[in-house]
Full PDB file with SEQRES, HELIX, SHEET, SSBOND, CRYST1, ORIGX, SCALE, CONECT and MASTER records, all heavy atoms in Angstrom:
SEQRES   1 A   33  MET ASP LEU ALA GLU VAL VAL ARG LEU ALA GLY ARG PRO          
SEQRES   2 A   33  ASP GLU ALA VAL ALA ALA VAL GLU MET ALA LEU GLU LEU          
SEQRES   3 A   33  TYR GLU ARG LYS GLY ILE VAL                                  
HELIX    1 AA1 ASP A    2  LEU A    9  1                                   8    
HELIX    2 AA2 PRO A   13  LYS A   30  1                                  18    
CRYST1    1.000    1.000    1.000  90.00  90.00  90.00 P 1           1          
ORIGX1      1.000000  0.000000  0.000000        0.00000                         
ORIGX2      0.000000  1.000000  0.000000        0.00000                         
ORIGX3      0.000000  0.000000  1.000000        0.00000                         
SCALE1      1.000000  0.000000  0.000000        0.00000                         
SCALE2      0.000000  1.000000  0.000000        0.00000                         
SCALE3      0.000000  0.000000  1.000000        0.00000                         
ATOM      1  N   MET A   1       0.193  -4.318  -1.026  1.00  0.00           N  
ATOM      2  CA  MET A   1       0.881  -4.258   0.227  1.00  0.00           C  
ATOM      3  C   MET A   1       2.294  -4.812   0.128  1.00  0.00           C  
ATOM      4  O   MET A   1       3.226  -4.282   0.762  1.00  0.00           O  
ATOM      5  CB  MET A   1       0.120  -4.830   1.400  1.00  0.00           C  
ATOM      6  CG  MET A   1      -1.196  -4.023   1.675  1.00  0.00           C  
ATOM      7  SD  MET A   1      -0.972  -2.430   2.376  1.00  0.00           S  
ATOM      8  CE  MET A   1      -0.593  -2.874   4.140  1.00  0.00           C  
ATOM      9  N   ASP A   2       2.411  -5.873  -0.554  1.00  0.00           N  
ATOM     10  CA  ASP A   2       3.714  -6.546  -0.722  1.00  0.00           C  
ATOM     11  C   ASP A   2       4.610  -5.509  -1.498  1.00  0.00           C  
ATOM     12  O   ASP A   2       5.857  -5.346  -1.157  1.00  0.00           O  
ATOM     13  CB  ASP A   2       3.609  -7.851  -1.531  1.00  0.00           C  
ATOM     14  CG  ASP A   2       2.964  -8.918  -0.657  1.00  0.00           C  
ATOM     15  OD1 ASP A   2       2.938  -8.899   0.555  1.00  0.00           O  
ATOM     16  OD2 ASP A   2       2.420  -9.838  -1.277  1.00  0.00           O  
ATOM     17  N   LEU A   3       4.120  -4.979  -2.561  1.00  0.00           N  
ATOM     18  CA  LEU A   3       4.837  -3.989  -3.288  1.00  0.00           C  
ATOM     19  C   LEU A   3       5.285  -2.787  -2.463  1.00  0.00           C  
ATOM     20  O   LEU A   3       6.424  -2.294  -2.480  1.00  0.00           O  
ATOM     21  CB  LEU A   3       4.031  -3.513  -4.560  1.00  0.00           C  
ATOM     22  CG  LEU A   3       4.677  -2.345  -5.401  1.00  0.00           C  
ATOM     23  CD1 LEU A   3       6.022  -2.836  -5.978  1.00  0.00           C  
ATOM     24  CD2 LEU A   3       3.736  -1.950  -6.516  1.00  0.00           C  
ATOM     25  N   ALA A   4       4.339  -2.345  -1.616  1.00  0.00           N  
ATOM     26  CA  ALA A   4       4.624  -1.200  -0.648  1.00  0.00           C  
ATOM     27  C   ALA A   4       5.805  -1.583   0.265  1.00  0.00           C  
ATOM     28  O   ALA A   4       6.680  -0.632   0.462  1.00  0.00           O  
ATOM     29  CB  ALA A   4       3.395  -0.881   0.071  1.00  0.00           C  
ATOM     30  N   GLU A   5       5.834  -2.791   0.739  1.00  0.00           N  
ATOM     31  CA  GLU A   5       6.905  -3.171   1.581  1.00  0.00           C  
ATOM     32  C   GLU A   5       8.244  -3.142   0.864  1.00  0.00           C  
ATOM     33  O   GLU A   5       9.342  -2.696   1.443  1.00  0.00           O  
ATOM     34  CB  GLU A   5       6.732  -4.508   2.282  1.00  0.00           C  
ATOM     35  CG  GLU A   5       7.814  -4.915   3.173  1.00  0.00           C  
ATOM     36  CD  GLU A   5       7.449  -6.012   4.169  1.00  0.00           C  
ATOM     37  OE1 GLU A   5       6.248  -6.384   4.240  1.00  0.00           O  
ATOM     38  OE2 GLU A   5       8.312  -6.521   4.862  1.00  0.00           O  
ATOM     39  N   VAL A   6       8.236  -3.660  -0.359  1.00  0.00           N  
ATOM     40  CA  VAL A   6       9.454  -3.648  -1.134  1.00  0.00           C  
ATOM     41  C   VAL A   6       9.951  -2.263  -1.380  1.00  0.00           C  
ATOM     42  O   VAL A   6      11.188  -2.008  -1.121  1.00  0.00           O  
ATOM     43  CB  VAL A   6       9.204  -4.368  -2.538  1.00  0.00           C  
ATOM     44  CG1 VAL A   6      10.349  -4.179  -3.499  1.00  0.00           C  
ATOM     45  CG2 VAL A   6       9.010  -5.907  -2.265  1.00  0.00           C  
ATOM     46  N   VAL A   7       9.162  -1.394  -1.796  1.00  0.00           N  
ATOM     47  CA  VAL A   7       9.662   0.019  -2.176  1.00  0.00           C  
ATOM     48  C   VAL A   7       9.971   0.765  -0.837  1.00  0.00           C  
ATOM     49  O   VAL A   7      10.881   1.631  -0.845  1.00  0.00           O  
ATOM     50  CB  VAL A   7       8.691   0.814  -3.040  1.00  0.00           C  
ATOM     51  CG1 VAL A   7       8.555   0.156  -4.444  1.00  0.00           C  
ATOM     52  CG2 VAL A   7       7.309   0.895  -2.405  1.00  0.00           C  
ATOM     53  N   ARG A   8       9.350   0.420   0.181  1.00  0.00           N  
ATOM     54  CA  ARG A   8       9.699   1.085   1.505  1.00  0.00           C  
ATOM     55  C   ARG A   8      11.062   0.622   1.945  1.00  0.00           C  
ATOM     56  O   ARG A   8      11.843   1.423   2.394  1.00  0.00           O  
ATOM     57  CB  ARG A   8       8.613   0.667   2.570  1.00  0.00           C  
ATOM     58  CG  ARG A   8       8.962   1.264   4.005  1.00  0.00           C  
ATOM     59  CD  ARG A   8       7.903   0.808   4.996  1.00  0.00           C  
ATOM     60  NE  ARG A   8       7.984  -0.580   5.289  1.00  0.00           N  
ATOM     61  CZ  ARG A   8       8.840  -1.167   6.134  1.00  0.00           C  
ATOM     62  NH1 ARG A   8       9.717  -0.357   6.730  1.00  0.00           N  
ATOM     63  NH2 ARG A   8       8.918  -2.441   6.420  1.00  0.00           N  
ATOM     64  N   LEU A   9      11.342  -0.688   1.846  1.00  0.00           N  
ATOM     65  CA  LEU A   9      12.597  -1.190   2.233  1.00  0.00           C  
ATOM     66  C   LEU A   9      13.735  -0.581   1.241  1.00  0.00           C  
ATOM     67  O   LEU A   9      14.887  -0.376   1.583  1.00  0.00           O  
ATOM     68  CB  LEU A   9      12.670  -2.708   2.094  1.00  0.00           C  
ATOM     69  CG  LEU A   9      11.876  -3.459   3.189  1.00  0.00           C  
ATOM     70  CD1 LEU A   9      11.751  -4.910   2.822  1.00  0.00           C  
ATOM     71  CD2 LEU A   9      12.594  -3.288   4.521  1.00  0.00           C  
ATOM     72  N   ALA A  10      13.330  -0.215   0.026  1.00  0.00           N  
ATOM     73  CA  ALA A  10      14.223   0.361  -0.900  1.00  0.00           C  
ATOM     74  C   ALA A  10      14.493   1.830  -0.604  1.00  0.00           C  
ATOM     75  O   ALA A  10      15.202   2.559  -1.307  1.00  0.00           O  
ATOM     76  CB  ALA A  10      13.744   0.174  -2.335  1.00  0.00           C  
ATOM     77  N   GLY A  11      13.759   2.369   0.380  1.00  0.00           N  
ATOM     78  CA  GLY A  11      13.854   3.715   0.739  1.00  0.00           C  
ATOM     79  C   GLY A  11      13.084   4.723  -0.050  1.00  0.00           C  
ATOM     80  O   GLY A  11      13.431   5.893  -0.246  1.00  0.00           O  
ATOM     81  N   ARG A  12      12.000   4.288  -0.530  1.00  0.00           N  
ATOM     82  CA  ARG A  12      11.116   5.150  -1.360  1.00  0.00           C  
ATOM     83  C   ARG A  12       9.692   5.327  -0.780  1.00  0.00           C  
ATOM     84  O   ARG A  12       8.745   4.639  -1.253  1.00  0.00           O  
ATOM     85  CB  ARG A  12      11.016   4.664  -2.901  1.00  0.00           C  
ATOM     86  CG  ARG A  12      12.341   4.897  -3.519  1.00  0.00           C  
ATOM     87  CD  ARG A  12      12.695   3.996  -4.719  1.00  0.00           C  
ATOM     88  NE  ARG A  12      11.611   3.547  -5.491  1.00  0.00           N  
ATOM     89  CZ  ARG A  12      11.642   2.287  -6.067  1.00  0.00           C  
ATOM     90  NH1 ARG A  12      12.789   1.490  -5.962  1.00  0.00           N  
ATOM     91  NH2 ARG A  12      10.703   1.894  -6.918  1.00  0.00           N  
ATOM     92  N   PRO A  13       9.524   5.947   0.298  1.00  0.00           N  
ATOM     93  CA  PRO A  13       8.300   5.950   0.982  1.00  0.00           C  
ATOM     94  C   PRO A  13       7.114   6.577   0.237  1.00  0.00           C  
ATOM     95  O   PRO A  13       5.966   6.165   0.459  1.00  0.00           O  
ATOM     96  CB  PRO A  13       8.611   6.802   2.296  1.00  0.00           C  
ATOM     97  CG  PRO A  13       9.754   7.645   1.938  1.00  0.00           C  
ATOM     98  CD  PRO A  13      10.550   6.793   1.022  1.00  0.00           C  
ATOM     99  N   ASP A  14       7.322   7.549  -0.670  1.00  0.00           N  
ATOM    100  CA  ASP A  14       6.252   8.159  -1.424  1.00  0.00           C  
ATOM    101  C   ASP A  14       5.571   7.095  -2.307  1.00  0.00           C  
ATOM    102  O   ASP A  14       4.326   7.037  -2.377  1.00  0.00           O  
ATOM    103  CB  ASP A  14       6.750   9.264  -2.283  1.00  0.00           C  
ATOM    104  CG  ASP A  14       7.192  10.493  -1.462  1.00  0.00           C  
ATOM    105  OD1 ASP A  14       6.815  10.550  -0.261  1.00  0.00           O  
ATOM    106  OD2 ASP A  14       7.836  11.341  -2.044  1.00  0.00           O  
ATOM    107  N   GLU A  15       6.379   6.179  -2.892  1.00  0.00           N  
ATOM    108  CA  GLU A  15       5.823   5.114  -3.712  1.00  0.00           C  
ATOM    109  C   GLU A  15       5.057   4.118  -2.874  1.00  0.00           C  
ATOM    110  O   GLU A  15       4.065   3.560  -3.262  1.00  0.00           O  
ATOM    111  CB  GLU A  15       6.908   4.477  -4.528  1.00  0.00           C  
ATOM    112  CG  GLU A  15       7.506   5.374  -5.609  1.00  0.00           C  
ATOM    113  CD  GLU A  15       8.597   4.670  -6.355  1.00  0.00           C  
ATOM    114  OE1 GLU A  15       8.424   3.561  -6.802  1.00  0.00           O  
ATOM    115  OE2 GLU A  15       9.641   5.300  -6.606  1.00  0.00           O  
ATOM    116  N   ALA A  16       5.623   3.861  -1.691  1.00  0.00           N  
ATOM    117  CA  ALA A  16       4.932   2.934  -0.732  1.00  0.00           C  
ATOM    118  C   ALA A  16       3.589   3.504  -0.304  1.00  0.00           C  
ATOM    119  O   ALA A  16       2.556   2.737  -0.336  1.00  0.00           O  
ATOM    120  CB  ALA A  16       5.816   2.739   0.465  1.00  0.00           C  
ATOM    121  N   VAL A  17       3.473   4.835  -0.074  1.00  0.00           N  
ATOM    122  CA  VAL A  17       2.238   5.446   0.282  1.00  0.00           C  
ATOM    123  C   VAL A  17       1.231   5.232  -0.812  1.00  0.00           C  
ATOM    124  O   VAL A  17       0.041   4.896  -0.615  1.00  0.00           O  
ATOM    125  CB  VAL A  17       2.423   6.953   0.599  1.00  0.00           C  
ATOM    126  CG1 VAL A  17       1.071   7.680   0.635  1.00  0.00           C  
ATOM    127  CG2 VAL A  17       3.114   7.159   1.936  1.00  0.00           C  
ATOM    128  N   ALA A  18       1.615   5.446  -2.051  1.00  0.00           N  
ATOM    129  CA  ALA A  18       0.695   5.329  -3.223  1.00  0.00           C  
ATOM    130  C   ALA A  18       0.116   3.833  -3.293  1.00  0.00           C  
ATOM    131  O   ALA A  18      -1.115   3.692  -3.470  1.00  0.00           O  
ATOM    132  CB  ALA A  18       1.381   5.628  -4.462  1.00  0.00           C  
ATOM    133  N   ALA A  19       0.945   2.862  -3.040  1.00  0.00           N  
ATOM    134  CA  ALA A  19       0.514   1.480  -3.065  1.00  0.00           C  
ATOM    135  C   ALA A  19      -0.448   1.157  -1.973  1.00  0.00           C  
ATOM    136  O   ALA A  19      -1.397   0.477  -2.158  1.00  0.00           O  
ATOM    137  CB  ALA A  19       1.740   0.537  -3.084  1.00  0.00           C  
ATOM    138  N   VAL A  20      -0.048   1.654  -0.745  1.00  0.00           N  
ATOM    139  CA  VAL A  20      -0.899   1.416   0.405  1.00  0.00           C  
ATOM    140  C   VAL A  20      -2.313   2.036   0.248  1.00  0.00           C  
ATOM    141  O   VAL A  20      -3.267   1.480   0.607  1.00  0.00           O  
ATOM    142  CB  VAL A  20      -0.225   1.809   1.650  1.00  0.00           C  
ATOM    143  CG1 VAL A  20      -1.139   1.621   2.882  1.00  0.00           C  
ATOM    144  CG2 VAL A  20       1.065   1.014   1.903  1.00  0.00           C  
ATOM    145  N   GLU A  21      -2.254   3.247  -0.302  1.00  0.00           N  
ATOM    146  CA  GLU A  21      -3.517   3.904  -0.504  1.00  0.00           C  
ATOM    147  C   GLU A  21      -4.460   3.204  -1.437  1.00  0.00           C  
ATOM    148  O   GLU A  21      -5.621   3.081  -1.195  1.00  0.00           O  
ATOM    149  CB  GLU A  21      -3.342   5.370  -1.007  1.00  0.00           C  
ATOM    150  CG  GLU A  21      -2.801   6.338   0.098  1.00  0.00           C  
ATOM    151  CD  GLU A  21      -2.438   7.733  -0.481  1.00  0.00           C  
ATOM    152  OE1 GLU A  21      -2.347   7.868  -1.736  1.00  0.00           O  
ATOM    153  OE2 GLU A  21      -2.355   8.594   0.346  1.00  0.00           O  
ATOM    154  N   MET A  22      -3.897   2.640  -2.486  1.00  0.00           N  
ATOM    155  CA  MET A  22      -4.707   1.757  -3.401  1.00  0.00           C  
ATOM    156  C   MET A  22      -5.208   0.524  -2.697  1.00  0.00           C  
ATOM    157  O   MET A  22      -6.381   0.114  -2.894  1.00  0.00           O  
ATOM    158  CB  MET A  22      -3.918   1.413  -4.639  1.00  0.00           C  
ATOM    159  CG  MET A  22      -3.709   2.631  -5.572  1.00  0.00           C  
ATOM    160  SD  MET A  22      -2.958   2.137  -7.162  1.00  0.00           S  
ATOM    161  CE  MET A  22      -1.276   1.901  -6.694  1.00  0.00           C  
ATOM    162  N   ALA A  23      -4.325  -0.129  -1.918  1.00  0.00           N  
ATOM    163  CA  ALA A  23      -4.723  -1.290  -1.203  1.00  0.00           C  
ATOM    164  C   ALA A  23      -5.854  -0.973  -0.153  1.00  0.00           C  
ATOM    165  O   ALA A  23      -6.773  -1.735  -0.021  1.00  0.00           O  
ATOM    166  CB  ALA A  23      -3.511  -1.873  -0.399  1.00  0.00           C  
ATOM    167  N   LEU A  24      -5.739   0.187   0.520  1.00  0.00           N  
ATOM    168  CA  LEU A  24      -6.732   0.604   1.515  1.00  0.00           C  
ATOM    169  C   LEU A  24      -8.106   0.668   0.763  1.00  0.00           C  
ATOM    170  O   LEU A  24      -9.121   0.244   1.386  1.00  0.00           O  
ATOM    171  CB  LEU A  24      -6.331   1.893   2.095  1.00  0.00           C  
ATOM    172  CG  LEU A  24      -7.351   2.528   3.158  1.00  0.00           C  
ATOM    173  CD1 LEU A  24      -7.615   1.610   4.261  1.00  0.00           C  
ATOM    174  CD2 LEU A  24      -6.858   3.828   3.588  1.00  0.00           C  
ATOM    175  N   GLU A  25      -8.158   1.300  -0.377  1.00  0.00           N  
ATOM    176  CA  GLU A  25      -9.436   1.492  -1.038  1.00  0.00           C  
ATOM    177  C   GLU A  25     -10.015   0.114  -1.469  1.00  0.00           C  
ATOM    178  O   GLU A  25     -11.267  -0.107  -1.288  1.00  0.00           O  
ATOM    179  CB  GLU A  25      -9.179   2.246  -2.422  1.00  0.00           C  
ATOM    180  CG  GLU A  25     -10.386   2.699  -3.072  1.00  0.00           C  
ATOM    181  CD  GLU A  25     -11.022   1.580  -4.059  1.00  0.00           C  
ATOM    182  OE1 GLU A  25     -10.217   0.879  -4.616  1.00  0.00           O  
ATOM    183  OE2 GLU A  25     -12.256   1.513  -4.164  1.00  0.00           O  
ATOM    184  N   LEU A  26      -9.265  -0.875  -1.753  1.00  0.00           N  
ATOM    185  CA  LEU A  26      -9.726  -2.221  -2.082  1.00  0.00           C  
ATOM    186  C   LEU A  26     -10.239  -2.937  -0.812  1.00  0.00           C  
ATOM    187  O   LEU A  26     -11.302  -3.549  -0.880  1.00  0.00           O  
ATOM    188  CB  LEU A  26      -8.651  -3.089  -2.762  1.00  0.00           C  
ATOM    189  CG  LEU A  26      -8.263  -2.671  -4.054  1.00  0.00           C  
ATOM    190  CD1 LEU A  26      -6.847  -3.232  -4.521  1.00  0.00           C  
ATOM    191  CD2 LEU A  26      -9.298  -2.909  -5.173  1.00  0.00           C  
ATOM    192  N   TYR A  27      -9.475  -2.784   0.323  1.00  0.00           N  
ATOM    193  CA  TYR A  27      -9.882  -3.425   1.516  1.00  0.00           C  
ATOM    194  C   TYR A  27     -11.258  -2.829   1.990  1.00  0.00           C  
ATOM    195  O   TYR A  27     -12.128  -3.542   2.453  1.00  0.00           O  
ATOM    196  CB  TYR A  27      -8.860  -3.250   2.641  1.00  0.00           C  
ATOM    197  CG  TYR A  27      -7.583  -3.963   2.392  1.00  0.00           C  
ATOM    198  CD1 TYR A  27      -6.343  -3.412   2.739  1.00  0.00           C  
ATOM    199  CD2 TYR A  27      -7.582  -5.196   1.822  1.00  0.00           C  
ATOM    200  CE1 TYR A  27      -5.126  -4.070   2.580  1.00  0.00           C  
ATOM    201  CE2 TYR A  27      -6.313  -5.920   1.619  1.00  0.00           C  
ATOM    202  CZ  TYR A  27      -5.139  -5.347   2.070  1.00  0.00           C  
ATOM    203  OH  TYR A  27      -4.020  -6.017   1.975  1.00  0.00           O  
ATOM    204  N   GLU A  28     -11.318  -1.469   1.893  1.00  0.00           N  
ATOM    205  CA  GLU A  28     -12.613  -0.826   2.292  1.00  0.00           C  
ATOM    206  C   GLU A  28     -13.812  -1.258   1.435  1.00  0.00           C  
ATOM    207  O   GLU A  28     -14.888  -1.379   1.923  1.00  0.00           O  
ATOM    208  CB  GLU A  28     -12.419   0.650   2.335  1.00  0.00           C  
ATOM    209  CG  GLU A  28     -11.506   1.140   3.443  1.00  0.00           C  
ATOM    210  CD  GLU A  28     -11.286   2.639   3.500  1.00  0.00           C  
ATOM    211  OE1 GLU A  28     -11.381   3.318   2.338  1.00  0.00           O  
ATOM    212  OE2 GLU A  28     -11.033   3.194   4.603  1.00  0.00           O  
ATOM    213  N   ARG A  29     -13.437  -1.366   0.177  1.00  0.00           N  
ATOM    214  CA  ARG A  29     -14.559  -1.819  -0.753  1.00  0.00           C  
ATOM    215  C   ARG A  29     -15.082  -3.243  -0.420  1.00  0.00           C  
ATOM    216  O   ARG A  29     -16.331  -3.410  -0.512  1.00  0.00           O  
ATOM    217  CB  ARG A  29     -14.077  -1.728  -2.179  1.00  0.00           C  
ATOM    218  CG  ARG A  29     -15.292  -1.615  -3.209  1.00  0.00           C  
ATOM    219  CD  ARG A  29     -14.775  -1.860  -4.655  1.00  0.00           C  
ATOM    220  NE  ARG A  29     -13.628  -1.169  -4.947  1.00  0.00           N  
ATOM    221  CZ  ARG A  29     -12.923  -1.464  -6.156  1.00  0.00           C  
ATOM    222  NH1 ARG A  29     -13.356  -2.524  -6.965  1.00  0.00           N  
ATOM    223  NH2 ARG A  29     -11.843  -0.848  -6.416  1.00  0.00           N  
ATOM    224  N   LYS A  30     -14.131  -4.056  -0.139  1.00  0.00           N  
ATOM    225  CA  LYS A  30     -14.592  -5.449   0.306  1.00  0.00           C  
ATOM    226  C   LYS A  30     -15.056  -5.474   1.721  1.00  0.00           C  
ATOM    227  O   LYS A  30     -15.868  -6.329   1.949  1.00  0.00           O  
ATOM    228  CB  LYS A  30     -13.293  -6.406   0.146  1.00  0.00           C  
ATOM    229  CG  LYS A  30     -13.550  -7.770   0.577  1.00  0.00           C  
ATOM    230  CD  LYS A  30     -14.444  -8.525  -0.283  1.00  0.00           C  
ATOM    231  CE  LYS A  30     -14.689 -10.049   0.110  1.00  0.00           C  
ATOM    232  NZ  LYS A  30     -15.628 -10.738  -0.683  1.00  0.00           N  
ATOM    233  N   GLY A  31     -14.688  -4.576   2.560  1.00  0.00           N  
ATOM    234  CA  GLY A  31     -15.147  -4.567   3.926  1.00  0.00           C  
ATOM    235  C   GLY A  31     -14.221  -5.461   4.864  1.00  0.00           C  
ATOM    236  O   GLY A  31     -14.659  -5.891   5.913  1.00  0.00           O  
ATOM    237  N   ILE A  32     -12.950  -5.517   4.541  1.00  0.00           N  
ATOM    238  CA  ILE A  32     -11.993  -6.197   5.335  1.00  0.00           C  
ATOM    239  C   ILE A  32     -11.442  -5.225   6.382  1.00  0.00           C  
ATOM    240  O   ILE A  32     -10.467  -4.547   6.160  1.00  0.00           O  
ATOM    241  CB  ILE A  32     -10.873  -6.870   4.529  1.00  0.00           C  
ATOM    242  CG1 ILE A  32     -11.493  -7.757   3.436  1.00  0.00           C  
ATOM    243  CG2 ILE A  32      -9.910  -7.727   5.402  1.00  0.00           C  
ATOM    244  CD1 ILE A  32     -10.496  -8.334   2.521  1.00  0.00           C  
ATOM    245  N   VAL A  33     -12.134  -5.130   7.534  1.00  0.00           N  
ATOM    246  CA  VAL A  33     -11.794  -4.119   8.522  1.00  0.00           C  
ATOM    247  C   VAL A  33     -10.414  -4.135   9.059  1.00  0.00           C  
ATOM    248  O   VAL A  33      -9.681  -3.140   9.201  1.00  0.00           O  
ATOM    249  CB  VAL A  33     -12.839  -4.160   9.641  1.00  0.00           C  
ATOM    250  CG1 VAL A  33     -12.479  -3.201  10.786  1.00  0.00           C  
ATOM    251  CG2 VAL A  33     -14.305  -3.889   9.110  1.00  0.00           C  
TER     252      VAL A  33                                                      
MASTER        0    0    0    2    0    0    0    6  251    1    0    3          
END                                                                             
């Protein structure tokens, strides 16, 4: 998520989406709603 914010601020939303999607999978696996 930190990496996603960095690339979002750099104007690269596609890369931000990829990082957030990976983070989401980890949060769901752990159960951090």
